[in-house]
Amino acid sequence: MVKKTSILNGVRCRRCGTNRGVIRAYGLDICRRCFRDVGTDLHFKKYT
């Protein structure tokens, strides 16, 4: 029998630990709420 795995299995925000809304692009692995706080420190520009 094949073990079922979830896509959220092991994907957590490195900053706050939540598994909801995690941005994995560019190896960030932080949630969208934390990204709003530290995005400018990571040299991402806000366009909206």
PDB file of N, CA and C in Angstrom:
ATOM      1  N   MET A   1       0.836  -1.181   0.000  1.00  0.00           N
ATOM      2  CA  MET A   1       0.000   0.000   0.000  1.00  0.00           C
ATOM      3  C   MET A   1       0.884   1.249   0.000  1.00  0.00           C
ATOM      4  N   VAL A   2       0.515   2.225  -0.822  1.00  0.00           N
ATOM      5  CA  VAL A   2       1.298   3.453  -0.964  1.00  0.00           C
ATOM      6  C   VAL A   2       0.874   4.453   0.103  1.00  0.00           C
ATOM      7  N   LYS A   3       1.857   5.042   0.761  1.00  0.00           N
ATOM      8  CA  LYS A   3       1.570   6.034   1.794  1.00  0.00           C
ATOM      9  C   LYS A   3       1.179   7.359   1.151  1.00  0.00           C
ATOM     10  N   LYS A   4       0.069   7.949   1.589  1.00  0.00           N
ATOM     11  CA  LYS A   4      -0.380   9.224   1.059  1.00  0.00           C
ATOM     12  C   LYS A   4       0.429  10.348   1.687  1.00  0.00           C
ATOM     13  N   THR A   5       0.831  11.289   0.865  1.00  0.00           N
ATOM     14  CA  THR A   5       1.536  12.454   1.371  1.00  0.00           C
ATOM     15  C   THR A   5       0.817  13.701   0.901  1.00  0.00           C
ATOM     16  N   SER A   6       0.818  14.689   1.715  1.00  0.00           N
ATOM     17  CA  SER A   6       0.189  15.955   1.383  1.00  0.00           C
ATOM     18  C   SER A   6       1.235  16.909   0.859  1.00  0.00           C
ATOM     19  N   ILE A   7       0.827  17.864   0.052  1.00  0.00           N
ATOM     20  CA  ILE A   7       1.778  18.861  -0.445  1.00  0.00           C
ATOM     21  C   ILE A   7       2.218  19.781   0.684  1.00  0.00           C
ATOM     22  N   LEU A   8       1.403  19.908   1.727  1.00  0.00           N
ATOM     23  CA  LEU A   8       1.758  20.752   2.858  1.00  0.00           C
ATOM     24  C   LEU A   8       2.619  20.019   3.878  1.00  0.00           C
ATOM     25  N   ASN A   9       2.917  18.771   3.599  1.00  0.00           N
ATOM     26  CA  ASN A   9       3.681  17.963   4.533  1.00  0.00           C
ATOM     27  C   ASN A   9       5.113  18.495   4.631  1.00  0.00           C
ATOM     28  N   GLY A  10       5.447  19.120   5.750  1.00  0.00           N
ATOM     29  CA  GLY A  10       6.790  19.624   5.958  1.00  0.00           C
ATOM     30  C   GLY A  10       7.040  21.013   5.415  1.00  0.00           C
ATOM     31  N   VAL A  11       6.035  21.655   4.819  1.00  0.00           N
ATOM     32  CA  VAL A  11       6.207  23.005   4.298  1.00  0.00           C
ATOM     33  C   VAL A  11       5.654  23.984   5.319  1.00  0.00           C
ATOM     34  N   ARG A  12       6.545  24.615   6.038  1.00  0.00           N
ATOM     35  CA  ARG A  12       6.144  25.578   7.060  1.00  0.00           C
ATOM     36  C   ARG A  12       6.935  26.858   6.890  1.00  0.00           C
ATOM     37  N   CYS A  13       6.367  27.928   7.390  1.00  0.00           N
ATOM     38  CA  CYS A  13       7.051  29.216   7.372  1.00  0.00           C
ATOM     39  C   CYS A  13       8.235  29.151   8.331  1.00  0.00           C
ATOM     40  N   ARG A  14       9.378  29.618   7.852  1.00  0.00           N
ATOM     41  CA  ARG A  14      10.570  29.593   8.709  1.00  0.00           C
ATOM     42  C   ARG A  14      10.492  30.627   9.816  1.00  0.00           C
ATOM     43  N   ARG A  15       9.654  31.643   9.635  1.00  0.00           N
ATOM     44  CA  ARG A  15       9.609  32.743  10.597  1.00  0.00           C
ATOM     45  C   ARG A  15       8.579  32.500  11.688  1.00  0.00           C
ATOM     46  N   CYS A  16       7.341  32.131  11.303  1.00  0.00           N
ATOM     47  CA  CYS A  16       6.293  31.978  12.315  1.00  0.00           C
ATOM     48  C   CYS A  16       5.805  30.545  12.486  1.00  0.00           C
ATOM     49  N   GLY A  17       6.096  29.652  11.539  1.00  0.00           N
ATOM     50  CA  GLY A  17       5.754  28.247  11.696  1.00  0.00           C
ATOM     51  C   GLY A  17       4.425  27.817  11.117  1.00  0.00           C
ATOM     52  N   THR A  18       3.651  28.728  10.522  1.00  0.00           N
ATOM     53  CA  THR A  18       2.369  28.334   9.950  1.00  0.00           C
ATOM     54  C   THR A  18       2.580  27.602   8.635  1.00  0.00           C
ATOM     55  N   ASN A  19       1.563  26.846   8.215  1.00  0.00           N
ATOM     56  CA  ASN A  19       1.664  26.138   6.944  1.00  0.00           C
ATOM     57  C   ASN A  19       0.668  26.675   5.925  1.00  0.00           C
ATOM     58  N   ARG A  20       0.113  27.847   6.164  1.00  0.00           N
ATOM     59  CA  ARG A  20      -0.871  28.435   5.267  1.00  0.00           C
ATOM     60  C   ARG A  20      -0.263  29.612   4.512  1.00  0.00           C
ATOM     61  N   GLY A  21      -0.390  29.592   3.196  1.00  0.00           N
ATOM     62  CA  GLY A  21       0.091  30.688   2.361  1.00  0.00           C
ATOM     63  C   GLY A  21       1.598  30.794   2.296  1.00  0.00           C
ATOM     64  N   VAL A  22       2.281  29.664   2.246  1.00  0.00           N
ATOM     65  CA  VAL A  22       3.741  29.668   2.252  1.00  0.00           C
ATOM     66  C   VAL A  22       4.265  29.937   0.840  1.00  0.00           C
ATOM     67  N   ILE A  23       5.178  30.889   0.717  1.00  0.00           N
ATOM     68  CA  ILE A  23       5.814  31.226  -0.549  1.00  0.00           C
ATOM     69  C   ILE A  23       7.118  30.448  -0.634  1.00  0.00           C
ATOM     70  N   ARG A  24       7.180  29.529  -1.594  1.00  0.00           N
ATOM     71  CA  ARG A  24       8.355  28.668  -1.705  1.00  0.00           C
ATOM     72  C   ARG A  24       9.281  29.112  -2.819  1.00  0.00           C
ATOM     73  N   ALA A  25       8.876  30.096  -3.617  1.00  0.00           N
ATOM     74  CA  ALA A  25       9.697  30.565  -4.730  1.00  0.00           C
ATOM     75  C   ALA A  25      11.010  31.133  -4.221  1.00  0.00           C
ATOM     76  N   TYR A  26      12.059  30.917  -4.984  1.00  0.00           N
ATOM     77  CA  TYR A  26      13.408  31.396  -4.668  1.00  0.00           C
ATOM     78  C   TYR A  26      13.928  30.863  -3.343  1.00  0.00           C
ATOM     79  N   GLY A  27      13.340  29.784  -2.832  1.00  0.00           N
ATOM     80  CA  GLY A  27      13.795  29.206  -1.574  1.00  0.00           C
ATOM     81  C   GLY A  27      13.457  30.037  -0.355  1.00  0.00           C
ATOM     82  N   LEU A  28      12.405  30.877  -0.450  1.00  0.00           N
ATOM     83  CA  LEU A  28      12.043  31.750   0.670  1.00  0.00           C
ATOM     84  C   LEU A  28      11.468  30.960   1.835  1.00  0.00           C
ATOM     85  N   ASP A  29      10.468  30.143   1.563  1.00  0.00           N
ATOM     86  CA  ASP A  29       9.785  29.339   2.581  1.00  0.00           C
ATOM     87  C   ASP A  29       9.283  30.184   3.743  1.00  0.00           C
ATOM     88  N   ILE A  30       8.631  31.314   3.424  1.00  0.00           N
ATOM     89  CA  ILE A  30       7.970  32.126   4.442  1.00  0.00           C
ATOM     90  C   ILE A  30       6.537  32.381   3.992  1.00  0.00           C
ATOM     91  N   CYS A  31       5.648  32.615   4.934  1.00  0.00           N
ATOM     92  CA  CYS A  31       4.247  32.815   4.602  1.00  0.00           C
ATOM     93  C   CYS A  31       4.034  34.236   4.081  1.00  0.00           C
ATOM     94  N   ARG A  32       2.889  34.462   3.492  1.00  0.00           N
ATOM     95  CA  ARG A  32       2.611  35.754   2.867  1.00  0.00           C
ATOM     96  C   ARG A  32       2.535  36.870   3.889  1.00  0.00           C
ATOM     97  N   ARG A  33       2.128  36.560   5.102  1.00  0.00           N
ATOM     98  CA  ARG A  33       2.043  37.595   6.146  1.00  0.00           C
ATOM     99  C   ARG A  33       3.439  38.025   6.592  1.00  0.00           C
ATOM    100  N   CYS A  34       4.321  37.071   6.751  1.00  0.00           N
ATOM    101  CA  CYS A  34       5.702  37.412   7.111  1.00  0.00           C
ATOM    102  C   CYS A  34       6.419  38.087   5.946  1.00  0.00           C
ATOM    103  N   PHE A  35       6.044  37.709   4.718  1.00  0.00           N
ATOM    104  CA  PHE A  35       6.681  38.312   3.551  1.00  0.00           C
ATOM    105  C   PHE A  35       6.377  39.798   3.465  1.00  0.00           C
ATOM    106  N   ARG A  36       5.187  40.193   3.891  1.00  0.00           N
ATOM    107  CA  ARG A  36       4.850  41.624   3.894  1.00  0.00           C
ATOM    108  C   ARG A  36       5.740  42.397   4.857  1.00  0.00           C
ATOM    109  N   ASP A  37       6.167  41.753   5.923  1.00  0.00           N
ATOM    110  CA  ASP A  37       7.040  42.414   6.899  1.00  0.00           C
ATOM    111  C   ASP A  37       8.492  42.487   6.423  1.00  0.00           C
ATOM    112  N   VAL A  38       8.986  41.423   5.822  1.00  0.00           N
ATOM    113  CA  VAL A  38      10.411  41.351   5.505  1.00  0.00           C
ATOM    114  C   VAL A  38      10.711  41.441   4.013  1.00  0.00           C
ATOM    115  N   GLY A  39       9.706  41.655   3.183  1.00  0.00           N
ATOM    116  CA  GLY A  39       9.913  41.696   1.730  1.00  0.00           C
ATOM    117  C   GLY A  39      10.846  42.801   1.291  1.00  0.00           C
ATOM    118  N   THR A  40      10.717  43.968   1.894  1.00  0.00           N
ATOM    119  CA  THR A  40      11.602  45.079   1.502  1.00  0.00           C
ATOM    120  C   THR A  40      13.033  44.835   1.977  1.00  0.00           C
ATOM    121  N   ASP A  41      13.193  44.140   3.081  1.00  0.00           N
ATOM    122  CA  ASP A  41      14.541  43.804   3.547  1.00  0.00           C
ATOM    123  C   ASP A  41      15.228  42.813   2.606  1.00  0.00           C
ATOM    124  N   LEU A  42      14.415  42.023   1.900  1.00  0.00           N
ATOM    125  CA  LEU A  42      14.942  41.053   0.948  1.00  0.00           C
ATOM    126  C   LEU A  42      15.053  41.640  -0.453  1.00  0.00           C
ATOM    127  N   HIS A  43      14.880  42.961  -0.579  1.00  0.00           N
ATOM    128  CA  HIS A  43      15.009  43.706  -1.825  1.00  0.00           C
ATOM    129  C   HIS A  43      13.926  43.378  -2.841  1.00  0.00           C
ATOM    130  N   PHE A  44      12.702  43.070  -2.351  1.00  0.00           N
ATOM    131  CA  PHE A  44      11.548  42.950  -3.219  1.00  0.00           C
ATOM    132  C   PHE A  44      10.820  44.284  -3.191  1.00  0.00           C
ATOM    133  N   LYS A  45      10.362  44.740  -4.362  1.00  0.00           N
ATOM    134  CA  LYS A  45       9.658  46.018  -4.438  1.00  0.00           C
ATOM    135  C   LYS A  45       8.154  45.778  -4.339  1.00  0.00           C
ATOM    136  N   LYS A  46       7.462  46.712  -3.727  1.00  0.00           N
ATOM    137  CA  LYS A  46       6.001  46.636  -3.621  1.00  0.00           C
ATOM    138  C   LYS A  46       5.403  47.414  -4.785  1.00  0.00           C
ATOM    139  N   TYR A  47       4.589  46.750  -5.582  1.00  0.00           N
ATOM    140  CA  TYR A  47       4.004  47.386  -6.748  1.00  0.00           C
ATOM    141  C   TYR A  47       2.548  47.761  -6.578  1.00  0.00           C
ATOM    142  N   THR A  48       1.888  47.288  -5.552  1.00  0.00           N
ATOM    143  CA  THR A  48       0.479  47.629  -5.354  1.00  0.00           C
ATOM    144  C   THR A  48       0.279  48.425  -4.095  1.00  0.00           C
TER     145      THR A  48
END
